């Protein structure tokens, strides 16, 4: 879980244009939903298929290994990453089940 909490916002900071990053952590009874939003470049549909591949280039500022790490941990926890892409911002959402430590 520490790796997700570290890599998710670091990825957002690296992708942000004007430093516009927001991290939302909200506990429920069974999950710890996390949402990381940045104001970086819009992710086109053609990049979505490889977004979580190792060293998938998403911008000139980075190659996405942190995103891959988060993806692998979330998969091991039997959960999913949701990506919301709109002009002006991108949000990565994950839900971590309680009782797991990663």
PDB file of N, CA and C in Angstrom:
ATOM      1  N   UNK A   1       0.825  -1.182   0.000  1.00  0.00           N
ATOM      2  CA  UNK A   1       0.000   0.000   0.000  1.00  0.00           C
ATOM      3  C   UNK A   1       0.877   1.257   0.000  1.00  0.00           C
ATOM      4  N   UNK A   2       2.007   1.211   0.687  1.00  0.00           N
ATOM      5  CA  UNK A   2       2.906   2.368   0.699  1.00  0.00           C
ATOM      6  C   UNK A   2       3.359   2.732  -0.708  1.00  0.00           C
ATOM      7  N   UNK A   3       3.622   1.721  -1.518  1.00  0.00           N
ATOM      8  CA  UNK A   3       4.066   2.001  -2.895  1.00  0.00           C
ATOM      9  C   UNK A   3       2.975   2.696  -3.700  1.00  0.00           C
ATOM     10  N   UNK A   4       1.735   2.307  -3.488  1.00  0.00           N
ATOM     11  CA  UNK A   4       0.634   2.975  -4.183  1.00  0.00           C
ATOM     12  C   UNK A   4       0.534   4.417  -3.708  1.00  0.00           C
ATOM     13  N   UNK A   5       0.581   4.612  -2.386  1.00  0.00           N
ATOM     14  CA  UNK A   5       0.482   5.966  -1.834  1.00  0.00           C
ATOM     15  C   UNK A   5       1.643   6.860  -2.271  1.00  0.00           C
ATOM     16  N   UNK A   6       2.786   6.276  -2.560  1.00  0.00           N
ATOM     17  CA  UNK A   6       3.933   7.052  -3.034  1.00  0.00           C
ATOM     18  C   UNK A   6       3.884   7.276  -4.541  1.00  0.00           C
ATOM     19  N   UNK A   7       3.668   6.213  -5.299  1.00  0.00           N
ATOM     20  CA  UNK A   7       3.752   6.308  -6.759  1.00  0.00           C
ATOM     21  C   UNK A   7       2.579   7.021  -7.415  1.00  0.00           C
ATOM     22  N   UNK A   8       1.382   6.874  -6.876  1.00  0.00           N
ATOM     23  CA  UNK A   8       0.224   7.517  -7.490  1.00  0.00           C
ATOM     24  C   UNK A   8       0.372   9.040  -7.501  1.00  0.00           C
ATOM     25  N   UNK A   9       0.677   9.683  -6.372  1.00  0.00           N
ATOM     26  CA  UNK A   9       0.860  11.141  -6.431  1.00  0.00           C
ATOM     27  C   UNK A   9       2.129  11.561  -7.158  1.00  0.00           C
ATOM     28  N   UNK A  10       3.208  10.773  -7.073  1.00  0.00           N
ATOM     29  CA  UNK A  10       4.425  11.135  -7.806  1.00  0.00           C
ATOM     30  C   UNK A  10       4.186  11.145  -9.309  1.00  0.00           C
ATOM     31  N   UNK A  11       3.403  10.192  -9.789  1.00  0.00           N
ATOM     32  CA  UNK A  11       3.052  10.173 -11.207  1.00  0.00           C
ATOM     33  C   UNK A  11       2.246  11.420 -11.559  1.00  0.00           C
ATOM     34  N   UNK A  12       1.303  11.776 -10.713  1.00  0.00           N
ATOM     35  CA  UNK A  12       0.475  12.968 -10.964  1.00  0.00           C
ATOM     36  C   UNK A  12       1.336  14.230 -10.997  1.00  0.00           C
ATOM     37  N   UNK A  13       2.272  14.336 -10.081  1.00  0.00           N
ATOM     38  CA  UNK A  13       3.168  15.503 -10.058  1.00  0.00           C
ATOM     39  C   UNK A  13       3.987  15.559 -11.332  1.00  0.00           C
ATOM     40  N   UNK A  14       4.498  14.422 -11.780  1.00  0.00           N
ATOM     41  CA  UNK A  14       5.292  14.379 -13.003  1.00  0.00           C
ATOM     42  C   UNK A  14       4.493  14.720 -14.249  1.00  0.00           C
ATOM     43  N   UNK A  15       3.209  14.446 -14.239  1.00  0.00           N
ATOM     44  CA  UNK A  15       2.364  14.699 -15.407  1.00  0.00           C
ATOM     45  C   UNK A  15       1.716  16.083 -15.383  1.00  0.00           C
ATOM     46  N   UNK A  16       1.718  16.735 -14.232  1.00  0.00           N
ATOM     47  CA  UNK A  16       1.018  18.013 -14.087  1.00  0.00           C
ATOM     48  C   UNK A  16       1.688  19.122 -14.887  1.00  0.00           C
ATOM     49  N   UNK A  17       0.876  20.020 -15.388  1.00  0.00           N
ATOM     50  CA  UNK A  17       1.366  21.167 -16.149  1.00  0.00           C
ATOM     51  C   UNK A  17       1.761  22.321 -15.235  1.00  0.00           C
ATOM     52  N   UNK A  18       0.847  22.799 -14.460  1.00  0.00           N
ATOM     53  CA  UNK A  18       1.068  23.975 -13.619  1.00  0.00           C
ATOM     54  C   UNK A  18       1.170  23.579 -12.149  1.00  0.00           C
ATOM     55  N   UNK A  19       1.521  22.330 -11.899  1.00  0.00           N
ATOM     56  CA  UNK A  19       1.581  21.869 -10.517  1.00  0.00           C
ATOM     57  C   UNK A  19       0.230  21.534  -9.952  1.00  0.00           C
ATOM     58  N   UNK A  20      -0.780  21.450 -10.810  1.00  0.00           N
ATOM     59  CA  UNK A  20      -2.136  21.155 -10.367  1.00  0.00           C
ATOM     60  C   UNK A  20      -2.324  19.684 -10.078  1.00  0.00           C
ATOM     61  N   UNK A  21      -2.165  19.294  -8.821  1.00  0.00           N
ATOM     62  CA  UNK A  21      -2.312  17.907  -8.402  1.00  0.00           C
ATOM     63  C   UNK A  21      -3.223  17.862  -7.185  1.00  0.00           C
ATOM     64  N   UNK A  22      -4.104  16.881  -7.184  1.00  0.00           N
ATOM     65  CA  UNK A  22      -4.991  16.691  -6.041  1.00  0.00           C
ATOM     66  C   UNK A  22      -5.029  15.197  -5.717  1.00  0.00           C
ATOM     67  N   UNK A  23      -4.902  14.858  -4.440  1.00  0.00           N
ATOM     68  CA  UNK A  23      -4.969  13.479  -3.990  1.00  0.00           C
ATOM     69  C   UNK A  23      -6.112  13.369  -2.991  1.00  0.00           C
ATOM     70  N   UNK A  24      -7.029  12.459  -3.249  1.00  0.00           N
ATOM     71  CA  UNK A  24      -8.178  12.252  -2.374  1.00  0.00           C
ATOM     72  C   UNK A  24      -8.094  10.850  -1.793  1.00  0.00           C
ATOM     73  N   UNK A  25      -8.131  10.754  -0.480  1.00  0.00           N
ATOM     74  CA  UNK A  25      -8.135   9.482   0.229  1.00  0.00           C
ATOM     75  C   UNK A  25      -9.389   9.473   1.088  1.00  0.00           C
ATOM     76  N   UNK A  26     -10.197   8.425   0.915  1.00  0.00           N
ATOM     77  CA  UNK A  26     -11.491   8.396   1.590  1.00  0.00           C
ATOM     78  C   UNK A  26     -11.769   6.961   2.040  1.00  0.00           C
ATOM     79  N   UNK A  27     -11.855   6.725   3.333  1.00  0.00           N
ATOM     80  CA  UNK A  27     -12.035   5.378   3.851  1.00  0.00           C
ATOM     81  C   UNK A  27     -13.511   4.974   3.880  1.00  0.00           C
ATOM     82  N   UNK A  28     -13.767   3.716   3.495  1.00  0.00           N
ATOM     83  CA  UNK A  28     -15.081   3.113   3.657  1.00  0.00           C
ATOM     84  C   UNK A  28     -14.899   1.915   4.586  1.00  0.00           C
ATOM     85  N   UNK A  29     -15.947   1.132   4.778  1.00  0.00           N
ATOM     86  CA  UNK A  29     -15.841  -0.026   5.671  1.00  0.00           C
ATOM     87  C   UNK A  29     -14.874  -1.092   5.156  1.00  0.00           C
ATOM     88  N   UNK A  30     -14.807  -1.269   3.838  1.00  0.00           N
ATOM     89  CA  UNK A  30     -14.014  -2.363   3.288  1.00  0.00           C
ATOM     90  C   UNK A  30     -12.904  -1.936   2.339  1.00  0.00           C
ATOM     91  N   UNK A  31     -12.888  -0.674   1.920  1.00  0.00           N
ATOM     92  CA  UNK A  31     -11.899  -0.213   0.953  1.00  0.00           C
ATOM     93  C   UNK A  31     -11.314   1.138   1.360  1.00  0.00           C
ATOM     94  N   UNK A  32     -10.148   1.394   0.818  1.00  0.00           N
ATOM     95  CA  UNK A  32      -9.527   2.702   0.953  1.00  0.00           C
ATOM     96  C   UNK A  32      -9.431   3.266  -0.464  1.00  0.00           C
ATOM     97  N   UNK A  33     -10.450   3.994  -0.916  1.00  0.00           N
ATOM     98  CA  UNK A  33     -10.407   4.560  -2.258  1.00  0.00           C
ATOM     99  C   UNK A  33      -9.419   5.722  -2.335  1.00  0.00           C
ATOM    100  N   UNK A  34      -8.587   5.699  -3.353  1.00  0.00           N
ATOM    101  CA  UNK A  34      -7.626   6.765  -3.608  1.00  0.00           C
ATOM    102  C   UNK A  34      -7.873   7.322  -4.996  1.00  0.00           C
ATOM    103  N   UNK A  35      -7.807   8.628  -5.133  1.00  0.00           N
ATOM    104  CA  UNK A  35      -7.939   9.270  -6.439  1.00  0.00           C
ATOM    105  C   UNK A  35      -6.842  10.315  -6.561  1.00  0.00           C
ATOM    106  N   UNK A  36      -6.089  10.237  -7.635  1.00  0.00           N
ATOM    107  CA  UNK A  36      -5.007  11.171  -7.902  1.00  0.00           C
ATOM    108  C   UNK A  36      -5.327  11.898  -9.207  1.00  0.00           C
ATOM    109  N   UNK A  37      -5.439  13.220  -9.139  1.00  0.00           N
ATOM    110  CA  UNK A  37      -5.821  14.023 -10.297  1.00  0.00           C
ATOM    111  C   UNK A  37      -4.716  15.007 -10.633  1.00  0.00           C
ATOM    112  N   UNK A  38      -4.445  15.166 -11.926  1.00  0.00           N
ATOM    113  CA  UNK A  38      -3.477  16.171 -12.371  1.00  0.00           C
ATOM    114  C   UNK A  38      -4.041  16.933 -13.552  1.00  0.00           C
ATOM    115  N   UNK A  39      -3.438  18.091 -13.820  1.00  0.00           N
ATOM    116  CA  UNK A  39      -3.892  18.941 -14.920  1.00  0.00           C
ATOM    117  C   UNK A  39      -3.011  18.797 -16.156  1.00  0.00           C
ATOM    118  N   UNK A  40      -2.374  17.645 -16.305  1.00  0.00           N
ATOM    119  CA  UNK A  40      -1.454  17.420 -17.424  1.00  0.00           C
ATOM    120  C   UNK A  40      -2.162  17.150 -18.734  1.00  0.00           C
ATOM    121  N   UNK A  41      -1.367  16.745 -19.712  1.00  0.00           N
ATOM    122  CA  UNK A  41      -1.872  16.489 -21.058  1.00  0.00           C
ATOM    123  C   UNK A  41      -2.972  15.436 -21.060  1.00  0.00           C
ATOM    124  N   UNK A  42      -3.933  15.611 -21.952  1.00  0.00           N
ATOM    125  CA  UNK A  42      -4.996  14.648 -22.176  1.00  0.00           C
ATOM    126  C   UNK A  42      -4.381  13.367 -22.735  1.00  0.00           C
ATOM    127  N   UNK A  43      -4.798  12.212 -22.225  1.00  0.00           N
ATOM    128  CA  UNK A  43      -4.288  10.927 -22.707  1.00  0.00           C
ATOM    129  C   UNK A  43      -5.175  10.465 -23.848  1.00  0.00           C
ATOM    130  N   UNK A  44      -4.645  10.418 -25.077  1.00  0.00           N
ATOM    131  CA  UNK A  44      -5.476   9.979 -26.198  1.00  0.00           C
ATOM    132  C   UNK A  44      -5.821   8.490 -26.110  1.00  0.00           C
ATOM    133  N   UNK A  45      -6.904   8.100 -26.736  1.00  0.00           N
ATOM    134  CA  UNK A  45      -7.391   6.724 -26.687  1.00  0.00           C
ATOM    135  C   UNK A  45      -6.331   5.725 -27.145  1.00  0.00           C
ATOM    136  N   UNK A  46      -5.542   6.059 -28.145  1.00  0.00           N
ATOM    137  CA  UNK A  46      -4.548   5.107 -28.653  1.00  0.00           C
ATOM    138  C   UNK A  46      -3.469   4.780 -27.625  1.00  0.00           C
ATOM    139  N   UNK A  47      -3.279   5.604 -26.619  1.00  0.00           N
ATOM    140  CA  UNK A  47      -2.293   5.312 -25.568  1.00  0.00           C
ATOM    141  C   UNK A  47      -2.902   4.531 -24.406  1.00  0.00           C
ATOM    142  N   UNK A  48      -4.218   4.443 -24.339  1.00  0.00           N
ATOM    143  CA  UNK A  48      -4.872   3.765 -23.223  1.00  0.00           C
ATOM    144  C   UNK A  48      -4.545   2.268 -23.187  1.00  0.00           C
ATOM    145  N   UNK A  49      -4.396   1.622 -24.337  1.00  0.00           N
ATOM    146  CA  UNK A  49      -4.122   0.186 -24.373  1.00  0.00           C
ATOM    147  C   UNK A  49      -2.765  -0.175 -23.770  1.00  0.00           C
ATOM    148  N   UNK A  50      -1.821   0.747 -23.798  1.00  0.00           N
ATOM    149  CA  UNK A  50      -0.476   0.469 -23.289  1.00  0.00           C
ATOM    150  C   UNK A  50      -0.123   1.314 -22.065  1.00  0.00           C
ATOM    151  N   UNK A  51      -1.095   1.949 -21.480  1.00  0.00           N
ATOM    152  CA  UNK A  51      -0.860   2.893 -20.388  1.00  0.00           C
ATOM    153  C   UNK A  51      -0.122   2.270 -19.212  1.00  0.00           C
ATOM    154  N   UNK A  52      -0.369   1.000 -18.928  1.00  0.00           N
ATOM    155  CA  UNK A  52       0.247   0.358 -17.765  1.00  0.00           C
ATOM    156  C   UNK A  52       1.349  -0.628 -18.156  1.00  0.00           C
ATOM    157  N   UNK A  53       1.772  -0.589 -19.407  1.00  0.00           N
ATOM    158  CA  UNK A  53       2.879  -1.431 -19.844  1.00  0.00           C
ATOM    159  C   UNK A  53       4.194  -0.871 -19.296  1.00  0.00           C
ATOM    160  N   UNK A  54       5.184  -1.746 -19.082  1.00  0.00           N
ATOM    161  CA  UNK A  54       6.465  -1.252 -18.578  1.00  0.00           C
ATOM    162  C   UNK A  54       7.074  -0.224 -19.530  1.00  0.00           C
ATOM    163  N   UNK A  55       7.457   0.886 -18.991  1.00  0.00           N
ATOM    164  CA  UNK A  55       8.140   1.963 -19.718  1.00  0.00           C
ATOM    165  C   UNK A  55       7.332   2.525 -20.878  1.00  0.00           C
ATOM    166  N   UNK A  56       6.010   2.467 -20.766  1.00  0.00           N
ATOM    167  CA  UNK A  56       5.144   3.093 -21.765  1.00  0.00           C
ATOM    168  C   UNK A  56       5.320   4.606 -21.652  1.00  0.00           C
ATOM    169  N   UNK A  57       5.676   5.225 -22.742  1.00  0.00           N
ATOM    170  CA  UNK A  57       5.904   6.666 -22.735  1.00  0.00           C
ATOM    171  C   UNK A  57       4.560   7.375 -22.732  1.00  0.00           C
ATOM    172  N   UNK A  58       4.353   8.224 -21.726  1.00  0.00           N
ATOM    173  CA  UNK A  58       3.105   8.967 -21.664  1.00  0.00           C
ATOM    174  C   UNK A  58       3.322  10.456 -21.854  1.00  0.00           C
ATOM    175  N   UNK A  59       4.556  10.908 -21.736  1.00  0.00           N
ATOM    176  CA  UNK A  59       4.877  12.311 -21.968  1.00  0.00           C
ATOM    177  C   UNK A  59       6.385  12.431 -22.107  1.00  0.00           C
ATOM    178  N   UNK A  60       6.839  13.616 -22.443  1.00  0.00           N
ATOM    179  CA  UNK A  60       8.279  13.835 -22.528  1.00  0.00           C
ATOM    180  C   UNK A  60       8.916  13.831 -21.149  1.00  0.00           C
ATOM    181  N   UNK A  61       8.112  13.947 -20.091  1.00  0.00           N
ATOM    182  CA  UNK A  61       8.649  14.071 -18.734  1.00  0.00           C
ATOM    183  C   UNK A  61       8.844  12.740 -18.030  1.00  0.00           C
ATOM    184  N   UNK A  62       8.358  11.651 -18.575  1.00  0.00           N
ATOM    185  CA  UNK A  62       8.508  10.389 -17.862  1.00  0.00           C
ATOM    186  C   UNK A  62       8.134   9.197 -18.708  1.00  0.00           C
ATOM    187  N   UNK A  63       8.451   8.025 -18.174  1.00  0.00           N
ATOM    188  CA  UNK A  63       8.191   6.780 -18.897  1.00  0.00           C
ATOM    189  C   UNK A  63       7.253   5.852 -18.149  1.00  0.00           C
ATOM    190  N   UNK A  64       6.691   6.279 -17.030  1.00  0.00           N
ATOM    191  CA  UNK A  64       5.623   5.556 -16.374  1.00  0.00           C
ATOM    192  C   UNK A  64       5.950   4.330 -15.558  1.00  0.00           C
ATOM    193  N   UNK A  65       7.179   4.089 -15.059  1.00  0.00           N
ATOM    194  CA  UNK A  65       7.364   2.881 -14.248  1.00  0.00           C
ATOM    195  C   UNK A  65       6.555   2.913 -12.960  1.00  0.00           C
ATOM    196  N   UNK A  66       6.332   4.074 -12.382  1.00  0.00           N
ATOM    197  CA  UNK A  66       5.524   4.179 -11.165  1.00  0.00           C
ATOM    198  C   UNK A  66       4.090   3.754 -11.415  1.00  0.00           C
ATOM    199  N   UNK A  67       3.571   4.113 -12.576  1.00  0.00           N
ATOM    200  CA  UNK A  67       2.217   3.729 -12.958  1.00  0.00           C
ATOM    201  C   UNK A  67       2.129   2.207 -13.078  1.00  0.00           C
ATOM    202  N   UNK A  68       3.152   1.571 -13.631  1.00  0.00           N
ATOM    203  CA  UNK A  68       3.194   0.116 -13.777  1.00  0.00           C
ATOM    204  C   UNK A  68       3.230  -0.562 -12.411  1.00  0.00           C
ATOM    205  N   UNK A  69       4.009  -0.014 -11.487  1.00  0.00           N
ATOM    206  CA  UNK A  69       4.098  -0.573 -10.138  1.00  0.00           C
ATOM    207  C   UNK A  69       2.733  -0.535  -9.469  1.00  0.00           C
ATOM    208  N   UNK A  70       2.061   0.603  -9.545  1.00  0.00           N
ATOM    209  CA  UNK A  70       0.724   0.733  -8.955  1.00  0.00           C
ATOM    210  C   UNK A  70      -0.222  -0.289  -9.585  1.00  0.00           C
ATOM    211  N   UNK A  71      -0.187  -0.408 -10.898  1.00  0.00           N
ATOM    212  CA  UNK A  71      -1.052  -1.354 -11.612  1.00  0.00           C
ATOM    213  C   UNK A  71      -0.821  -2.786 -11.120  1.00  0.00           C
ATOM    214  N   UNK A  72       0.440  -3.195 -11.002  1.00  0.00           N
ATOM    215  CA  UNK A  72       0.747  -4.562 -10.572  1.00  0.00           C
ATOM    216  C   UNK A  72       0.261  -4.829  -9.154  1.00  0.00           C
ATOM    217  N   UNK A  73       0.458  -3.872  -8.252  1.00  0.00           N
ATOM    218  CA  UNK A  73       0.014  -4.064  -6.874  1.00  0.00           C
ATOM    219  C   UNK A  73      -1.503  -4.142  -6.806  1.00  0.00           C
ATOM    220  N   UNK A  74      -2.177  -3.264  -7.512  1.00  0.00           N
ATOM    221  CA  UNK A  74      -3.637  -3.266  -7.512  1.00  0.00           C
ATOM    222  C   UNK A  74      -4.166  -4.583  -8.084  1.00  0.00           C
ATOM    223  N   UNK A  75      -3.539  -5.102  -9.123  1.00  0.00           N
ATOM    224  CA  UNK A  75      -3.931  -6.394  -9.687  1.00  0.00           C
ATOM    225  C   UNK A  75      -3.745  -7.512  -8.667  1.00  0.00           C
ATOM    226  N   UNK A  76      -2.644  -7.486  -7.923  1.00  0.00           N
ATOM    227  CA  UNK A  76      -2.397  -8.505  -6.895  1.00  0.00           C
ATOM    228  C   UNK A  76      -3.448  -8.452  -5.793  1.00  0.00           C
ATOM    229  N   UNK A  77      -4.021  -7.286  -5.564  1.00  0.00           N
ATOM    230  CA  UNK A  77      -5.061  -7.123  -4.550  1.00  0.00           C
ATOM    231  C   UNK A  77      -6.460  -7.405  -5.111  1.00  0.00           C
ATOM    232  N   UNK A  78      -6.511  -7.908  -6.350  1.00  0.00           N
ATOM    233  CA  UNK A  78      -7.788  -8.207  -7.027  1.00  0.00           C
ATOM    234  C   UNK A  78      -8.680  -6.985  -7.138  1.00  0.00           C
ATOM    235  N   UNK A  79      -8.091  -5.859  -7.451  1.00  0.00           N
ATOM    236  CA  UNK A  79      -8.857  -4.639  -7.650  1.00  0.00           C
ATOM    237  C   UNK A  79      -8.489  -4.070  -9.018  1.00  0.00           C
ATOM    238  N   UNK A  80      -9.015  -2.903  -9.337  1.00  0.00           N
ATOM    239  CA  UNK A  80      -8.794  -2.291 -10.647  1.00  0.00           C
ATOM    240  C   UNK A  80      -8.386  -0.838 -10.495  1.00  0.00           C
ATOM    241  N   UNK A  81      -7.780  -0.320 -11.561  1.00  0.00           N
ATOM    242  CA  UNK A  81      -7.486   1.105 -11.659  1.00  0.00           C
ATOM    243  C   UNK A  81      -8.450   1.677 -12.679  1.00  0.00           C
ATOM    244  N   UNK A  82      -9.099   2.754 -12.306  1.00  0.00           N
ATOM    245  CA  UNK A  82      -9.992   3.459 -13.224  1.00  0.00           C
ATOM    246  C   UNK A  82      -9.288   4.744 -13.649  1.00  0.00           C
ATOM    247  N   UNK A  83      -9.324   5.025 -14.946  1.00  0.00           N
ATOM    248  CA  UNK A  83      -8.716   6.252 -15.466  1.00  0.00           C
ATOM    249  C   UNK A  83      -9.823   7.107 -16.072  1.00  0.00           C
ATOM    250  N   UNK A  84      -9.955   8.304 -15.549  1.00  0.00           N
ATOM    251  CA  UNK A  84     -10.930   9.266 -16.075  1.00  0.00           C
ATOM    252  C   UNK A  84     -10.144  10.347 -16.809  1.00  0.00           C
ATOM    253  N   UNK A  85     -10.390  10.474 -18.109  1.00  0.00           N
ATOM    254  CA  UNK A  85      -9.655  11.426 -18.938  1.00  0.00           C
ATOM    255  C   UNK A  85     -10.619  12.453 -19.489  1.00  0.00           C
ATOM    256  N   UNK A  86     -10.374  13.677 -19.158  1.00  0.00           N
ATOM    257  CA  UNK A  86     -11.143  14.779 -19.701  1.00  0.00           C
ATOM    258  C   UNK A  86     -10.169  15.884 -20.062  1.00  0.00           C
ATOM    259  N   UNK A  87     -10.483  16.697 -21.065  1.00  0.00           N
ATOM    260  CA  UNK A  87      -9.591  17.823 -21.356  1.00  0.00           C
ATOM    261  C   UNK A  87      -9.424  18.672 -20.092  1.00  0.00           C
ATOM    262  N   UNK A  88      -8.179  18.893 -19.718  1.00  0.00           N
ATOM    263  CA  UNK A  88      -7.901  19.713 -18.547  1.00  0.00           C
ATOM    264  C   UNK A  88      -7.492  18.932 -17.313  1.00  0.00           C
ATOM    265  N   UNK A  89      -7.842  17.640 -17.257  1.00  0.00           N
ATOM    266  CA  UNK A  89      -7.373  16.850 -16.122  1.00  0.00           C
ATOM    267  C   UNK A  89      -7.499  15.352 -16.388  1.00  0.00           C
ATOM    268  N   UNK A  90      -6.718  14.587 -15.641  1.00  0.00           N
ATOM    269  CA  UNK A  90      -6.764  13.132 -15.669  1.00  0.00           C
ATOM    270  C   UNK A  90      -6.788  12.645 -14.235  1.00  0.00           C
ATOM    271  N   UNK A  91      -7.644  11.662 -13.950  1.00  0.00           N
ATOM    272  CA  UNK A  91      -7.734  11.100 -12.607  1.00  0.00           C
ATOM    273  C   UNK A  91      -7.515   9.597 -12.666  1.00  0.00           C
ATOM    274  N   UNK A  92      -6.639   9.106 -11.806  1.00  0.00           N
ATOM    275  CA  UNK A  92      -6.422   7.675 -11.612  1.00  0.00           C
ATOM    276  C   UNK A  92      -7.065   7.314 -10.280  1.00  0.00           C
ATOM    277  N   UNK A  93      -7.964   6.306 -10.292  1.00  0.00           N
ATOM    278  CA  UNK A  93      -8.667   5.897  -9.076  1.00  0.00           C
ATOM    279  C   UNK A  93      -8.370   4.431  -8.788  1.00  0.00           C
ATOM    280  N   UNK A  94      -8.065   4.135  -7.539  1.00  0.00           N
ATOM    281  CA  UNK A  94      -7.860   2.754  -7.094  1.00  0.00           C
ATOM    282  C   UNK A  94      -8.592   2.568  -5.777  1.00  0.00           C
ATOM    283  N   UNK A  95      -8.954   1.341  -5.495  1.00  0.00           N
ATOM    284  CA  UNK A  95      -9.560   1.010  -4.208  1.00  0.00           C
ATOM    285  C   UNK A  95      -8.769  -0.126  -3.587  1.00  0.00           C
ATOM    286  N   UNK A  96      -8.250   0.093  -2.406  1.00  0.00           N
ATOM    287  CA  UNK A  96      -7.426  -0.909  -1.740  1.00  0.00           C
ATOM    288  C   UNK A  96      -8.255  -1.576  -0.649  1.00  0.00           C
ATOM    289  N   UNK A  97      -8.431  -2.895  -0.738  1.00  0.00           N
ATOM    290  CA  UNK A  97      -9.183  -3.580   0.304  1.00  0.00           C
ATOM    291  C   UNK A  97      -8.434  -3.545   1.631  1.00  0.00           C
ATOM    292  N   UNK A  98      -9.157  -3.389   2.728  1.00  0.00           N
ATOM    293  CA  UNK A  98      -8.535  -3.441   4.046  1.00  0.00           C
ATOM    294  C   UNK A  98      -8.019  -4.849   4.308  1.00  0.00           C
ATOM    295  N   UNK A  99      -7.013  -4.920   5.139  1.00  0.00           N
ATOM    296  CA  UNK A  99      -6.467  -6.218   5.523  1.00  0.00           C
ATOM    297  C   UNK A  99      -5.305  -6.653   4.661  1.00  0.00           C
ATOM    298  N   UNK A 100      -5.055  -5.931   3.556  1.00  0.00           N
ATOM    299  CA  UNK A 100      -3.926  -6.257   2.695  1.00  0.00           C
ATOM    300  C   UNK A 100      -2.789  -5.298   2.998  1.00  0.00           C
ATOM    301  N   UNK A 101      -1.574  -5.795   2.957  1.00  0.00           N
ATOM    302  CA  UNK A 101      -0.410  -4.924   3.054  1.00  0.00           C
ATOM    303  C   UNK A 101       0.468  -5.209   1.865  1.00  0.00           C
ATOM    304  N   UNK A 102       0.878  -4.161   1.186  1.00  0.00           N
ATOM    305  CA  UNK A 102       1.716  -4.338  -0.004  1.00  0.00           C
ATOM    306  C   UNK A 102       2.949  -3.490   0.146  1.00  0.00           C
TER     307      UNK A 102
END
